[in-house]
Amino acid sequence: MENATLQVLSKCNITPKYKGYTYLPVAVRLADQYMREPLCIMADIYPVIGQIYDESPRKVERAIRKVVEVGWQNNREYMVEIMGFGAKKCPGNAQFIDALVYYINWKMTHTSHQECRGILETQQ
């Protein structure tokens, strides 16, 4: 999950110079782990990341917001694809993290089905 998130950030021309580059993959992993439970990003995700990196939850929130904004500026079309609808403005952190979890899970499932199909076709 974290590698896939980093690939998305790379496609949006987001570099490791932003702290959110490090925080967002962890946020996506945590959101994915607790996907079936009610989750409050401010209470459940930011404090955990803050503890890991010795930052306040507020600074974690701001760093992730900055990365989402930079991604929106650098590759809006791809961000809209991730969101799954024609977004007119930059998504919020929770909205983007949620969409990213679903996008990555869909892409992983779709890719693995394609790989299986390819293996089966070569064996016939």
PDB file of N, CA and C in Angstrom:
ATOM      1  N   MET A   1       0.833  -1.194   0.000  1.00  0.00           N
ATOM      2  CA  MET A   1       0.000   0.000   0.000  1.00  0.00           C
ATOM      3  C   MET A   1       0.877   1.257   0.000  1.00  0.00           C
ATOM      4  N   GLU A   2       1.924   1.263   0.810  1.00  0.00           N
ATOM      5  CA  GLU A   2       2.764   2.461   0.906  1.00  0.00           C
ATOM      6  C   GLU A   2       3.527   2.706  -0.392  1.00  0.00           C
ATOM      7  N   ASN A   3       4.001   1.625  -1.028  1.00  0.00           N
ATOM      8  CA  ASN A   3       4.701   1.800  -2.305  1.00  0.00           C
ATOM      9  C   ASN A   3       3.766   2.349  -3.373  1.00  0.00           C
ATOM     10  N   ALA A   4       2.540   1.857  -3.389  1.00  0.00           N
ATOM     11  CA  ALA A   4       1.560   2.343  -4.360  1.00  0.00           C
ATOM     12  C   ALA A   4       1.263   3.828  -4.126  1.00  0.00           C
ATOM     13  N   THR A   5       1.190   4.232  -2.859  1.00  0.00           N
ATOM     14  CA  THR A   5       0.961   5.645  -2.545  1.00  0.00           C
ATOM     15  C   THR A   5       2.126   6.492  -3.027  1.00  0.00           C
ATOM     16  N   LEU A   6       3.325   6.010  -2.841  1.00  0.00           N
ATOM     17  CA  LEU A   6       4.502   6.757  -3.307  1.00  0.00           C
ATOM     18  C   LEU A   6       4.515   6.861  -4.833  1.00  0.00           C
ATOM     19  N   GLN A   7       4.018   5.831  -5.517  1.00  0.00           N
ATOM     20  CA  GLN A   7       3.930   5.894  -6.981  1.00  0.00           C
ATOM     21  C   GLN A   7       2.937   6.976  -7.403  1.00  0.00           C
ATOM     22  N   VAL A   8       1.837   7.084  -6.689  1.00  0.00           N
ATOM     23  CA  VAL A   8       0.849   8.126  -6.979  1.00  0.00           C
ATOM     24  C   VAL A   8       1.482   9.495  -6.774  1.00  0.00           C
ATOM     25  N   LEU A   9       2.186   9.682  -5.660  1.00  0.00           N
ATOM     26  CA  LEU A   9       2.844  10.963  -5.389  1.00  0.00           C
ATOM     27  C   LEU A   9       3.857  11.291  -6.479  1.00  0.00           C
ATOM     28  N   SER A  10       4.587  10.296  -6.906  1.00  0.00           N
ATOM     29  CA  SER A  10       5.570  10.507  -7.973  1.00  0.00           C
ATOM     30  C   SER A  10       4.884  10.940  -9.271  1.00  0.00           C
ATOM     31  N   LYS A  11       3.755  10.313  -9.584  1.00  0.00           N
ATOM     32  CA  LYS A  11       3.019  10.674 -10.806  1.00  0.00           C
ATOM     33  C   LYS A  11       2.479  12.105 -10.728  1.00  0.00           C
ATOM     34  N   CYS A  12       2.296  12.591  -9.510  1.00  0.00           N
ATOM     35  CA  CYS A  12       1.839  13.975  -9.306  1.00  0.00           C
ATOM     36  C   CYS A  12       3.024  14.931  -9.154  1.00  0.00           C
ATOM     37  N   ASN A  13       4.214  14.460  -9.438  1.00  0.00           N
ATOM     38  CA  ASN A  13       5.445  15.259  -9.339  1.00  0.00           C
ATOM     39  C   ASN A  13       5.664  15.827  -7.939  1.00  0.00           C
ATOM     40  N   ILE A  14       5.356  15.032  -6.942  1.00  0.00           N
ATOM     41  CA  ILE A  14       5.581  15.417  -5.546  1.00  0.00           C
ATOM     42  C   ILE A  14       6.860  14.731  -5.090  1.00  0.00           C
ATOM     43  N   THR A  15       7.762  15.507  -4.557  1.00  0.00           N
ATOM     44  CA  THR A  15       9.073  14.994  -4.164  1.00  0.00           C
ATOM     45  C   THR A  15       9.159  14.813  -2.647  1.00  0.00           C
ATOM     46  N   PRO A  16      10.166  14.086  -2.195  1.00  0.00           N
ATOM     47  CA  PRO A  16      10.342  13.873  -0.754  1.00  0.00           C
ATOM     48  C   PRO A  16      10.701  15.131   0.035  1.00  0.00           C
ATOM     49  N   LYS A  17      10.852  16.254  -0.608  1.00  0.00           N
ATOM     50  CA  LYS A  17      11.179  17.476   0.126  1.00  0.00           C
ATOM     51  C   LYS A  17      10.021  17.923   1.023  1.00  0.00           C
ATOM     52  N   TYR A  18       8.808  17.415   0.764  1.00  0.00           N
ATOM     53  CA  TYR A  18       7.646  17.729   1.581  1.00  0.00           C
ATOM     54  C   TYR A  18       7.487  16.672   2.675  1.00  0.00           C
ATOM     55  N   LYS A  19       7.244  17.105   3.902  1.00  0.00           N
ATOM     56  CA  LYS A  19       7.032  16.152   4.999  1.00  0.00           C
ATOM     57  C   LYS A  19       5.815  15.279   4.732  1.00  0.00           C
ATOM     58  N   GLY A  20       4.814  15.844   4.095  1.00  0.00           N
ATOM     59  CA  GLY A  20       3.604  15.083   3.776  1.00  0.00           C
ATOM     60  C   GLY A  20       3.875  13.903   2.866  1.00  0.00           C
ATOM     61  N   TYR A  21       4.975  13.942   2.126  1.00  0.00           N
ATOM     62  CA  TYR A  21       5.386  12.835   1.273  1.00  0.00           C
ATOM     63  C   TYR A  21       5.626  11.588   2.132  1.00  0.00           C
ATOM     64  N   THR A  22       6.142  11.795   3.318  1.00  0.00           N
ATOM     65  CA  THR A  22       6.396  10.697   4.251  1.00  0.00           C
ATOM     66  C   THR A  22       5.138  10.320   5.015  1.00  0.00           C
ATOM     67  N   TYR A  23       4.316  11.306   5.361  1.00  0.00           N
ATOM     68  CA  TYR A  23       3.133  11.063   6.188  1.00  0.00           C
ATOM     69  C   TYR A  23       1.976  10.428   5.420  1.00  0.00           C
ATOM     70  N   LEU A  24       1.771  10.821   4.181  1.00  0.00           N
ATOM     71  CA  LEU A  24       0.601  10.358   3.431  1.00  0.00           C
ATOM     72  C   LEU A  24       0.562   8.839   3.256  1.00  0.00           C
ATOM     73  N   PRO A  25       1.664   8.172   2.915  1.00  0.00           N
ATOM     74  CA  PRO A  25       1.596   6.705   2.802  1.00  0.00           C
ATOM     75  C   PRO A  25       1.186   6.021   4.102  1.00  0.00           C
ATOM     76  N   VAL A  26       1.633   6.563   5.226  1.00  0.00           N
ATOM     77  CA  VAL A  26       1.240   5.995   6.524  1.00  0.00           C
ATOM     78  C   VAL A  26      -0.251   6.228   6.757  1.00  0.00           C
ATOM     79  N   ALA A  27      -0.729   7.412   6.430  1.00  0.00           N
ATOM     80  CA  ALA A  27      -2.152   7.725   6.586  1.00  0.00           C
ATOM     81  C   ALA A  27      -3.009   6.803   5.730  1.00  0.00           C
ATOM     82  N   VAL A  28      -2.577   6.544   4.522  1.00  0.00           N
ATOM     83  CA  VAL A  28      -3.330   5.662   3.621  1.00  0.00           C
ATOM     84  C   VAL A  28      -3.333   4.238   4.173  1.00  0.00           C
ATOM     85  N   ARG A  29      -2.197   3.777   4.669  1.00  0.00           N
ATOM     86  CA  ARG A  29      -2.125   2.427   5.246  1.00  0.00           C
ATOM     87  C   ARG A  29      -3.052   2.302   6.453  1.00  0.00           C
ATOM     88  N   LEU A  30      -3.021   3.294   7.340  1.00  0.00           N
ATOM     89  CA  LEU A  30      -3.889   3.269   8.518  1.00  0.00           C
ATOM     90  C   LEU A  30      -5.364   3.295   8.109  1.00  0.00           C
ATOM     91  N   ALA A  31      -5.717   4.142   7.162  1.00  0.00           N
ATOM     92  CA  ALA A  31      -7.108   4.223   6.691  1.00  0.00           C
ATOM     93  C   ALA A  31      -7.536   2.900   6.064  1.00  0.00           C
ATOM     94  N   ASP A  32      -6.639   2.252   5.352  1.00  0.00           N
ATOM     95  CA  ASP A  32      -6.946   0.962   4.739  1.00  0.00           C
ATOM     96  C   ASP A  32      -7.163  -0.114   5.804  1.00  0.00           C
ATOM     97  N   GLN A  33      -6.331  -0.107   6.842  1.00  0.00           N
ATOM     98  CA  GLN A  33      -6.454  -1.098   7.907  1.00  0.00           C
ATOM     99  C   GLN A  33      -7.793  -0.994   8.629  1.00  0.00           C
ATOM    100  N   TYR A  34      -8.288   0.234   8.789  1.00  0.00           N
ATOM    101  CA  TYR A  34      -9.515   0.453   9.546  1.00  0.00           C
ATOM    102  C   TYR A  34     -10.685   0.846   8.648  1.00  0.00           C
ATOM    103  N   MET A  35     -10.630   0.419   7.384  1.00  0.00           N
ATOM    104  CA  MET A  35     -11.607   0.854   6.391  1.00  0.00           C
ATOM    105  C   MET A  35     -13.047   0.492   6.775  1.00  0.00           C
ATOM    106  N   ARG A  36     -13.260  -0.583   7.466  1.00  0.00           N
ATOM    107  CA  ARG A  36     -14.611  -1.023   7.782  1.00  0.00           C
ATOM    108  C   ARG A  36     -15.138  -0.423   9.089  1.00  0.00           C
ATOM    109  N   GLU A  37     -14.331   0.370   9.757  1.00  0.00           N
ATOM    110  CA  GLU A  37     -14.730   0.979  11.023  1.00  0.00           C
ATOM    111  C   GLU A  37     -14.924   2.477  10.834  1.00  0.00           C
ATOM    112  N   PRO A  38     -15.789   3.069  11.648  1.00  0.00           N
ATOM    113  CA  PRO A  38     -15.891   4.535  11.607  1.00  0.00           C
ATOM    114  C   PRO A  38     -14.540   5.141  11.989  1.00  0.00           C
ATOM    115  N   LEU A  39     -14.103   6.089  11.227  1.00  0.00           N
ATOM    116  CA  LEU A  39     -12.761   6.630  11.411  1.00  0.00           C
ATOM    117  C   LEU A  39     -12.815   8.147  11.363  1.00  0.00           C
ATOM    118  N   CYS A  40     -12.166   8.772  12.305  1.00  0.00           N
ATOM    119  CA  CYS A  40     -12.030  10.227  12.314  1.00  0.00           C
ATOM    120  C   CYS A  40     -10.556  10.527  12.068  1.00  0.00           C
ATOM    121  N   ILE A  41     -10.269  11.087  10.934  1.00  0.00           N
ATOM    122  CA  ILE A  41      -8.882  11.298  10.540  1.00  0.00           C
ATOM    123  C   ILE A  41      -8.116  12.133  11.558  1.00  0.00           C
ATOM    124  N   MET A  42      -8.775  13.138  12.115  1.00  0.00           N
ATOM    125  CA  MET A  42      -8.112  14.025  13.074  1.00  0.00           C
ATOM    126  C   MET A  42      -7.825  13.314  14.394  1.00  0.00           C
ATOM    127  N   ALA A  43      -8.697  12.436  14.807  1.00  0.00           N
ATOM    128  CA  ALA A  43      -8.526  11.756  16.089  1.00  0.00           C
ATOM    129  C   ALA A  43      -7.822  10.406  15.979  1.00  0.00           C
ATOM    130  N   ASP A  44      -7.963   9.737  14.825  1.00  0.00           N
ATOM    131  CA  ASP A  44      -7.455   8.374  14.697  1.00  0.00           C
ATOM    132  C   ASP A  44      -6.174   8.230  13.879  1.00  0.00           C
ATOM    133  N   ILE A  45      -5.935   9.139  12.960  1.00  0.00           N
ATOM    134  CA  ILE A  45      -4.773   8.979  12.078  1.00  0.00           C
ATOM    135  C   ILE A  45      -3.666   9.976  12.387  1.00  0.00           C
ATOM    136  N   TYR A  46      -3.985  11.257  12.448  1.00  0.00           N
ATOM    137  CA  TYR A  46      -2.940  12.261  12.673  1.00  0.00           C
ATOM    138  C   TYR A  46      -2.154  12.052  13.969  1.00  0.00           C
ATOM    139  N   PRO A  47      -2.804  11.706  15.088  1.00  0.00           N
ATOM    140  CA  PRO A  47      -2.021  11.485  16.313  1.00  0.00           C
ATOM    141  C   PRO A  47      -1.052  10.303  16.209  1.00  0.00           C
ATOM    142  N   VAL A  48      -1.469   9.250  15.505  1.00  0.00           N
ATOM    143  CA  VAL A  48      -0.589   8.089  15.334  1.00  0.00           C
ATOM    144  C   VAL A  48       0.640   8.475  14.516  1.00  0.00           C
ATOM    145  N   ILE A  49       0.430   9.181  13.426  1.00  0.00           N
ATOM    146  CA  ILE A  49       1.551   9.633  12.594  1.00  0.00           C
ATOM    147  C   ILE A  49       2.420  10.601  13.388  1.00  0.00           C
ATOM    148  N   GLY A  50       1.791  11.475  14.152  1.00  0.00           N
ATOM    149  CA  GLY A  50       2.528  12.412  14.990  1.00  0.00           C
ATOM    150  C   GLY A  50       3.433  11.711  15.983  1.00  0.00           C
ATOM    151  N   GLN A  51       2.947  10.634  16.578  1.00  0.00           N
ATOM    152  CA  GLN A  51       3.763   9.868  17.509  1.00  0.00           C
ATOM    153  C   GLN A  51       4.937   9.212  16.794  1.00  0.00           C
ATOM    154  N   ILE A  52       4.689   8.669  15.628  1.00  0.00           N
ATOM    155  CA  ILE A  52       5.756   8.000  14.866  1.00  0.00           C
ATOM    156  C   ILE A  52       6.874   8.984  14.520  1.00  0.00           C
ATOM    157  N   TYR A  53       6.507  10.181  14.078  1.00  0.00           N
ATOM    158  CA  TYR A  53       7.487  11.154  13.587  1.00  0.00           C
ATOM    159  C   TYR A  53       7.764  12.296  14.565  1.00  0.00           C
ATOM    160  N   ASP A  54       7.237  12.190  15.780  1.00  0.00           N
ATOM    161  CA  ASP A  54       7.448  13.190  16.823  1.00  0.00           C
ATOM    162  C   ASP A  54       7.024  14.590  16.353  1.00  0.00           C
ATOM    163  N   GLU A  55       5.797  14.646  15.858  1.00  0.00           N
ATOM    164  CA  GLU A  55       5.186  15.902  15.404  1.00  0.00           C
ATOM    165  C   GLU A  55       3.799  16.023  16.019  1.00  0.00           C
ATOM    166  N   SER A  56       3.290  17.214  16.050  1.00  0.00           N
ATOM    167  CA  SER A  56       1.927  17.406  16.542  1.00  0.00           C
ATOM    168  C   SER A  56       0.935  16.974  15.451  1.00  0.00           C
ATOM    169  N   PRO A  57      -0.240  16.516  15.830  1.00  0.00           N
ATOM    170  CA  PRO A  57      -1.257  16.149  14.838  1.00  0.00           C
ATOM    171  C   PRO A  57      -1.577  17.309  13.890  1.00  0.00           C
ATOM    172  N   ARG A  58      -1.539  18.525  14.393  1.00  0.00           N
ATOM    173  CA  ARG A  58      -1.804  19.711  13.564  1.00  0.00           C
ATOM    174  C   ARG A  58      -0.759  19.859  12.453  1.00  0.00           C
ATOM    175  N   LYS A  59       0.508  19.620  12.787  1.00  0.00           N
ATOM    176  CA  LYS A  59       1.569  19.719  11.774  1.00  0.00           C
ATOM    177  C   LYS A  59       1.464  18.592  10.753  1.00  0.00           C
ATOM    178  N   VAL A  60       1.041  17.426  11.206  1.00  0.00           N
ATOM    179  CA  VAL A  60       0.830  16.306  10.286  1.00  0.00           C
ATOM    180  C   VAL A  60      -0.288  16.656   9.301  1.00  0.00           C
ATOM    181  N   GLU A  61      -1.378  17.200   9.836  1.00  0.00           N
ATOM    182  CA  GLU A  61      -2.508  17.599   8.991  1.00  0.00           C
ATOM    183  C   GLU A  61      -2.076  18.614   7.941  1.00  0.00           C
ATOM    184  N   ARG A  62      -1.323  19.606   8.350  1.00  0.00           N
ATOM    185  CA  ARG A  62      -0.872  20.667   7.449  1.00  0.00           C
ATOM    186  C   ARG A  62       0.065  20.120   6.380  1.00  0.00           C
ATOM    187  N   ALA A  63       0.970  19.232   6.774  1.00  0.00           N
ATOM    188  CA  ALA A  63       1.929  18.666   5.815  1.00  0.00           C
ATOM    189  C   ALA A  63       1.213  17.826   4.754  1.00  0.00           C
ATOM    190  N   ILE A  64       0.225  17.058   5.173  1.00  0.00           N
ATOM    191  CA  ILE A  64      -0.537  16.255   4.211  1.00  0.00           C
ATOM    192  C   ILE A  64      -1.364  17.169   3.312  1.00  0.00           C
ATOM    193  N   ARG A  65      -1.966  18.187   3.885  1.00  0.00           N
ATOM    194  CA  ARG A  65      -2.748  19.148   3.084  1.00  0.00           C
ATOM    195  C   ARG A  65      -1.872  19.786   2.005  1.00  0.00           C
ATOM    196  N   LYS A  66      -0.646  20.148   2.374  1.00  0.00           N
ATOM    197  CA  LYS A  66       0.276  20.773   1.412  1.00  0.00           C
ATOM    198  C   LYS A  66       0.566  19.821   0.245  1.00  0.00           C
ATOM    199  N   VAL A  67       0.787  18.551   0.548  1.00  0.00           N
ATOM    200  CA  VAL A  67       1.073  17.571  -0.503  1.00  0.00           C
ATOM    201  C   VAL A  67      -0.141  17.391  -1.418  1.00  0.00           C
ATOM    202  N   VAL A  68      -1.329  17.362  -0.831  1.00  0.00           N
ATOM    203  CA  VAL A  68      -2.548  17.230  -1.650  1.00  0.00           C
ATOM    204  C   VAL A  68      -2.688  18.451  -2.556  1.00  0.00           C
ATOM    205  N   GLU A  69      -2.441  19.630  -2.028  1.00  0.00           N
ATOM    206  CA  GLU A  69      -2.527  20.855  -2.831  1.00  0.00           C
ATOM    207  C   GLU A  69      -1.490  20.869  -3.955  1.00  0.00           C
ATOM    208  N   VAL A  70      -0.274  20.455  -3.657  1.00  0.00           N
ATOM    209  CA  VAL A  70       0.779  20.416  -4.684  1.00  0.00           C
ATOM    210  C   VAL A  70       0.413  19.408  -5.770  1.00  0.00           C
ATOM    211  N   GLY A  71      -0.105  18.254  -5.366  1.00  0.00           N
ATOM    212  CA  GLY A  71      -0.543  17.259  -6.348  1.00  0.00           C
ATOM    213  C   GLY A  71      -1.649  17.800  -7.235  1.00  0.00           C
ATOM    214  N   TRP A  72      -2.571  18.560  -6.642  1.00  0.00           N
ATOM    215  CA  TRP A  72      -3.664  19.171  -7.395  1.00  0.00           C
ATOM    216  C   TRP A  72      -3.121  20.164  -8.420  1.00  0.00           C
ATOM    217  N   GLN A  73      -2.122  20.916  -8.041  1.00  0.00           N
ATOM    218  CA  GLN A  73      -1.519  21.895  -8.951  1.00  0.00           C
ATOM    219  C   GLN A  73      -0.715  21.218 -10.053  1.00  0.00           C
ATOM    220  N   ASN A  74      -0.006  20.148  -9.719  1.00  0.00           N
ATOM    221  CA  ASN A  74       0.904  19.514 -10.662  1.00  0.00           C
ATOM    222  C   ASN A  74       0.222  18.567 -11.648  1.00  0.00           C
ATOM    223  N   ASN A  75      -0.805  17.837 -11.207  1.00  0.00           N
ATOM    224  CA  ASN A  75      -1.433  16.849 -12.083  1.00  0.00           C
ATOM    225  C   ASN A  75      -2.910  16.698 -11.719  1.00  0.00           C
ATOM    226  N   ARG A  76      -3.649  17.736 -11.978  1.00  0.00           N
ATOM    227  CA  ARG A  76      -5.072  17.784 -11.630  1.00  0.00           C
ATOM    228  C   ARG A  76      -5.863  16.645 -12.274  1.00  0.00           C
ATOM    229  N   GLU A  77      -5.565  16.323 -13.523  1.00  0.00           N
ATOM    230  CA  GLU A  77      -6.306  15.284 -14.227  1.00  0.00           C
ATOM    231  C   GLU A  77      -6.176  13.943 -13.508  1.00  0.00           C
ATOM    232  N   TYR A  78      -4.973  13.626 -13.065  1.00  0.00           N
ATOM    233  CA  TYR A  78      -4.742  12.366 -12.359  1.00  0.00           C
ATOM    234  C   TYR A  78      -5.439  12.365 -11.003  1.00  0.00           C
ATOM    235  N   MET A  79      -5.407  13.500 -10.327  1.00  0.00           N
ATOM    236  CA  MET A  79      -6.089  13.607  -9.030  1.00  0.00           C
ATOM    237  C   MET A  79      -7.595  13.404  -9.215  1.00  0.00           C
ATOM    238  N   VAL A  80      -8.166  13.946 -10.267  1.00  0.00           N
ATOM    239  CA  VAL A  80      -9.592  13.767 -10.558  1.00  0.00           C
ATOM    240  C   VAL A  80      -9.869  12.290 -10.833  1.00  0.00           C
ATOM    241  N   GLU A  81      -8.956  11.626 -11.546  1.00  0.00           N
ATOM    242  CA  GLU A  81      -9.097  10.189 -11.799  1.00  0.00           C
ATOM    243  C   GLU A  81      -9.124   9.408 -10.480  1.00  0.00           C
ATOM    244  N   ILE A  82      -8.244   9.757  -9.576  1.00  0.00           N
ATOM    245  CA  ILE A  82      -8.198   9.092  -8.268  1.00  0.00           C
ATOM    246  C   ILE A  82      -9.504   9.328  -7.514  1.00  0.00           C
ATOM    247  N   MET A  83      -9.996  10.551  -7.570  1.00  0.00           N
ATOM    248  CA  MET A  83     -11.221  10.897  -6.849  1.00  0.00           C
ATOM    249  C   MET A  83     -12.434  10.157  -7.418  1.00  0.00           C
ATOM    250  N   GLY A  84     -12.393   9.830  -8.687  1.00  0.00           N
ATOM    251  CA  GLY A  84     -13.481   9.075  -9.291  1.00  0.00           C
ATOM    252  C   GLY A  84     -14.642   9.913  -9.781  1.00  0.00           C
ATOM    253  N   PHE A  85     -14.498  11.227  -9.744  1.00  0.00           N
ATOM    254  CA  PHE A  85     -15.540  12.113 -10.255  1.00  0.00           C
ATOM    255  C   PHE A  85     -14.898  13.432 -10.646  1.00  0.00           C
ATOM    256  N   GLY A  86     -15.612  14.248 -11.365  1.00  0.00           N
ATOM    257  CA  GLY A  86     -15.081  15.515 -11.855  1.00  0.00           C
ATOM    258  C   GLY A  86     -14.981  16.568 -10.771  1.00  0.00           C
ATOM    259  N   ALA A  87     -14.010  16.442  -9.905  1.00  0.00           N
ATOM    260  CA  ALA A  87     -13.818  17.419  -8.829  1.00  0.00           C
ATOM    261  C   ALA A  87     -13.457  18.772  -9.421  1.00  0.00           C
ATOM    262  N   LYS A  88     -14.053  19.810  -8.890  1.00  0.00           N
ATOM    263  CA  LYS A  88     -13.794  21.165  -9.384  1.00  0.00           C
ATOM    264  C   LYS A  88     -12.770  21.903  -8.521  1.00  0.00           C
ATOM    265  N   LYS A  89     -12.592  21.441  -7.291  1.00  0.00           N
ATOM    266  CA  LYS A  89     -11.615  22.078  -6.413  1.00  0.00           C
ATOM    267  C   LYS A  89     -10.786  21.004  -5.711  1.00  0.00           C
ATOM    268  N   CYS A  90      -9.693  21.424  -5.160  1.00  0.00           N
ATOM    269  CA  CYS A  90      -8.775  20.520  -4.478  1.00  0.00           C
ATOM    270  C   CYS A  90      -9.504  19.784  -3.351  1.00  0.00           C
ATOM    271  N   PRO A  91      -9.368  18.460  -3.296  1.00  0.00           N
ATOM    272  CA  PRO A  91     -10.041  17.717  -2.230  1.00  0.00           C
ATOM    273  C   PRO A  91      -9.405  17.967  -0.867  1.00  0.00           C
ATOM    274  N   GLY A  92     -10.164  17.744   0.170  1.00  0.00           N
ATOM    275  CA  GLY A  92      -9.631  17.806   1.521  1.00  0.00           C
ATOM    276  C   GLY A  92      -8.826  16.550   1.828  1.00  0.00           C
ATOM    277  N   ASN A  93      -8.099  16.577   2.917  1.00  0.00           N
ATOM    278  CA  ASN A  93      -7.261  15.442   3.283  1.00  0.00           C
ATOM    279  C   ASN A  93      -8.058  14.151   3.423  1.00  0.00           C
ATOM    280  N   ALA A  94      -9.113  14.185   4.229  1.00  0.00           N
ATOM    281  CA  ALA A  94      -9.895  12.972   4.472  1.00  0.00           C
ATOM    282  C   ALA A  94     -10.497  12.445   3.175  1.00  0.00           C
ATOM    283  N   GLN A  95     -11.006  13.337   2.369  1.00  0.00           N
ATOM    284  CA  GLN A  95     -11.610  12.950   1.091  1.00  0.00           C
ATOM    285  C   GLN A  95     -10.560  12.309   0.182  1.00  0.00           C
ATOM    286  N   PHE A  96      -9.370  12.905   0.118  1.00  0.00           N
ATOM    287  CA  PHE A  96      -8.327  12.366  -0.752  1.00  0.00           C
ATOM    288  C   PHE A  96      -7.781  11.041  -0.228  1.00  0.00           C
ATOM    289  N   ILE A  97      -7.564  10.947   1.070  1.00  0.00           N
ATOM    290  CA  ILE A  97      -7.048   9.693   1.643  1.00  0.00           C
ATOM    291  C   ILE A  97      -8.037   8.568   1.394  1.00  0.00           C
ATOM    292  N   ASP A  98      -9.304   8.831   1.618  1.00  0.00           N
ATOM    293  CA  ASP A  98     -10.339   7.825   1.381  1.00  0.00           C
ATOM    294  C   ASP A  98     -10.361   7.388  -0.084  1.00  0.00           C
ATOM    295  N   ALA A  99     -10.339   8.346  -0.985  1.00  0.00           N
ATOM    296  CA  ALA A  99     -10.344   8.033  -2.420  1.00  0.00           C
ATOM    297  C   ALA A  99      -9.087   7.263  -2.810  1.00  0.00           C
ATOM    298  N   LEU A 100      -7.960   7.635  -2.244  1.00  0.00           N
ATOM    299  CA  LEU A 100      -6.699   6.976  -2.561  1.00  0.00           C
ATOM    300  C   LEU A 100      -6.696   5.523  -2.101  1.00  0.00           C
ATOM    301  N   VAL A 101      -7.261   5.252  -0.934  1.00  0.00           N
ATOM    302  CA  VAL A 101      -7.373   3.865  -0.455  1.00  0.00           C
ATOM    303  C   VAL A 101      -8.180   3.042  -1.451  1.00  0.00           C
ATOM    304  N   TYR A 102      -9.331   3.541  -1.858  1.00  0.00           N
ATOM    305  CA  TYR A 102     -10.172   2.811  -2.803  1.00  0.00           C
ATOM    306  C   TYR A 102      -9.493   2.680  -4.169  1.00  0.00           C
ATOM    307  N   TYR A 103      -8.844   3.734  -4.630  1.00  0.00           N
ATOM    308  CA  TYR A 103      -8.168   3.718  -5.926  1.00  0.00           C
ATOM    309  C   TYR A 103      -7.048   2.679  -5.940  1.00  0.00           C
ATOM    310  N   ILE A 104      -6.219   2.678  -4.910  1.00  0.00           N
ATOM    311  CA  ILE A 104      -5.096   1.737  -4.851  1.00  0.00           C
ATOM    312  C   ILE A 104      -5.609   0.307  -4.730  1.00  0.00           C
ATOM    313  N   ASN A 105      -6.593   0.078  -3.876  1.00  0.00           N
ATOM    314  CA  ASN A 105      -7.145  -1.275  -3.743  1.00  0.00           C
ATOM    315  C   ASN A 105      -7.758  -1.752  -5.052  1.00  0.00           C
ATOM    316  N   TRP A 106      -8.478  -0.866  -5.754  1.00  0.00           N
ATOM    317  CA  TRP A 106      -9.060  -1.237  -7.043  1.00  0.00           C
ATOM    318  C   TRP A 106      -7.960  -1.554  -8.052  1.00  0.00           C
ATOM    319  N   LYS A 107      -6.937  -0.715  -8.067  1.00  0.00           N
ATOM    320  CA  LYS A 107      -5.855  -0.898  -9.029  1.00  0.00           C
ATOM    321  C   LYS A 107      -5.094  -2.191  -8.755  1.00  0.00           C
ATOM    322  N   MET A 108      -4.859  -2.496  -7.471  1.00  0.00           N
ATOM    323  CA  MET A 108      -4.167  -3.737  -7.115  1.00  0.00           C
ATOM    324  C   MET A 108      -4.995  -4.952  -7.517  1.00  0.00           C
ATOM    325  N   THR A 109      -6.280  -4.903  -7.266  1.00  0.00           N
ATOM    326  CA  THR A 109      -7.166  -6.004  -7.627  1.00  0.00           C
ATOM    327  C   THR A 109      -7.222  -6.162  -9.138  1.00  0.00           C
ATOM    328  N   HIS A 110      -7.374  -5.054  -9.838  1.00  0.00           N
ATOM    329  CA  HIS A 110      -7.454  -5.089 -11.295  1.00  0.00           C
ATOM    330  C   HIS A 110      -6.159  -5.616 -11.895  1.00  0.00           C
ATOM    331  N   THR A 111      -5.014  -5.151 -11.397  1.00  0.00           N
ATOM    332  CA  THR A 111      -3.711  -5.587 -11.902  1.00  0.00           C
ATOM    333  C   THR A 111      -3.508  -7.067 -11.646  1.00  0.00           C
ATOM    334  N   SER A 112      -3.836  -7.551 -10.454  1.00  0.00           N
ATOM    335  CA  SER A 112      -3.617  -8.960 -10.154  1.00  0.00           C
ATOM    336  C   SER A 112      -4.503  -9.846 -11.023  1.00  0.00           C
ATOM    337  N   HIS A 113      -5.745  -9.414 -11.333  1.00  0.00           N
ATOM    338  CA  HIS A 113      -6.598 -10.185 -12.234  1.00  0.00           C
ATOM    339  C   HIS A 113      -5.996 -10.220 -13.635  1.00  0.00           C
ATOM    340  N   GLN A 114      -5.458  -9.103 -14.092  1.00  0.00           N
ATOM    341  CA  GLN A 114      -4.828  -9.053 -15.414  1.00  0.00           C
ATOM    342  C   GLN A 114      -3.621  -9.986 -15.466  1.00  0.00           C
ATOM    343  N   GLU A 115      -2.797  -9.984 -14.394  1.00  0.00           N
ATOM    344  CA  GLU A 115      -1.617 -10.848 -14.356  1.00  0.00           C
ATOM    345  C   GLU A 115      -2.030 -12.312 -14.376  1.00  0.00           C
ATOM    346  N   CYS A 116      -3.059 -12.668 -13.609  1.00  0.00           N
ATOM    347  CA  CYS A 116      -3.548 -14.053 -13.582  1.00  0.00           C
ATOM    348  C   CYS A 116      -4.046 -14.465 -14.962  1.00  0.00           C
ATOM    349  N   ARG A 117      -4.798 -13.578 -15.613  1.00  0.00           N
ATOM    350  CA  ARG A 117      -5.308 -13.865 -16.948  1.00  0.00           C
ATOM    351  C   ARG A 117      -4.157 -14.092 -17.923  1.00  0.00           C
ATOM    352  N   GLY A 118      -3.116 -13.278 -17.822  1.00  0.00           N
ATOM    353  CA  GLY A 118      -1.953 -13.422 -18.695  1.00  0.00           C
ATOM    354  C   GLY A 118      -1.234 -14.734 -18.472  1.00  0.00           C
ATOM    355  N   ILE A 119      -1.103 -15.151 -17.227  1.00  0.00           N
ATOM    356  CA  ILE A 119      -0.446 -16.427 -16.910  1.00  0.00           C
ATOM    357  C   ILE A 119      -1.260 -17.585 -17.462  1.00  0.00           C
ATOM    358  N   LEU A 120      -2.582 -17.543 -17.282  1.00  0.00           N
ATOM    359  CA  LEU A 120      -3.438 -18.604 -17.785  1.00  0.00           C
ATOM    360  C   LEU A 120      -3.374 -18.703 -19.304  1.00  0.00           C
ATOM    361  N   GLU A 121      -3.351 -17.577 -19.976  1.00  0.00           N
ATOM    362  CA  GLU A 121      -3.314 -17.582 -21.437  1.00  0.00           C
ATOM    363  C   GLU A 121      -2.003 -18.169 -21.951  1.00  0.00           C
ATOM    364  N   THR A 122      -0.888 -17.920 -21.291  1.00  0.00           N
ATOM    365  CA  THR A 122       0.404 -18.452 -21.756  1.00  0.00           C
ATOM    366  C   THR A 122       0.515 -19.940 -21.486  1.00  0.00           C
ATOM    367  N   GLN A 123      -0.246 -20.481 -20.500  1.00  0.00           N
ATOM    368  CA  GLN A 123      -0.182 -21.893 -20.185  1.00  0.00           C
ATOM    369  C   GLN A 123      -1.032 -22.734 -21.125  1.00  0.00           C
ATOM    370  N   GLN A 124      -1.959 -22.113 -21.834  1.00  0.00           N
ATOM    371  CA  GLN A 124      -2.863 -22.870 -22.726  1.00  0.00           C
ATOM    372  C   GLN A 124      -2.229 -23.152 -24.045  1.00  0.00           C
TER     373      GLN A 124
END
